[in-house]
Amino acid sequence: MAFDLPSEWTIKDPAGQTPQGGGVFVEVRNPAGKAMATLRTNMVVGAECTTKQPYGMYDSEPLPALKQSGSTPRFTFESRQDDTATDPAKMTTLAYGITSAPEPTGPTACPIAHFFTWPPSGAMFGGVYNPFDTTPGNPPNVDTPEAYMETPEYKNIRGMITSLRPAG
């Protein structure tokens, strides 16, 4: 697989341990060293949806270059709301990545699953946006998903992830 990397960003390889049975595991970092996304291949995918939560879909784009067995994965930037959480930082999960999961319908959705079908089993390429994270390298004063989507950081992440394609 190949993707376009923003010029000042770097890849940490391996980002951790190599997946059992081979595959790739890399972490993409911005100039401040913040992890922006990870790419893993040769993953076991498929999970049961035992609980659903209110969700938000902020961005979605089909990725035909990754089509496998009649399924076209898509890039998403989405949220899930945990109504049982009392800590504001844990009430909402915001994440971006590639998924083969069906697009949610209705007011609730299964947990975020940014996994997509890729031989021999599956892969993931995505990351999490935390509006409460104040570490160096984060966009200042960005506290909503809509505002985050207007930042150069989000535009770089989106461009990088949606550029994923078979190598060669």
Foldseek 3Di string as FASTA:
>chain_A
DDWDAPPQKDKDPQPDDAPPPGWGWIFIAHNVRDTFKIKTPPDADDDDQPDKFFKAWDDKDWQQLQDDPNFTKIWTWMKGADPVDPDPQPGMWTKIWIDSDDDDDDRIDGPDDQWYQDPPHIMIMIDTDGLPDPDPPDDPPDRDPVSVCPDPSVVSSVRGRSRDHDDD
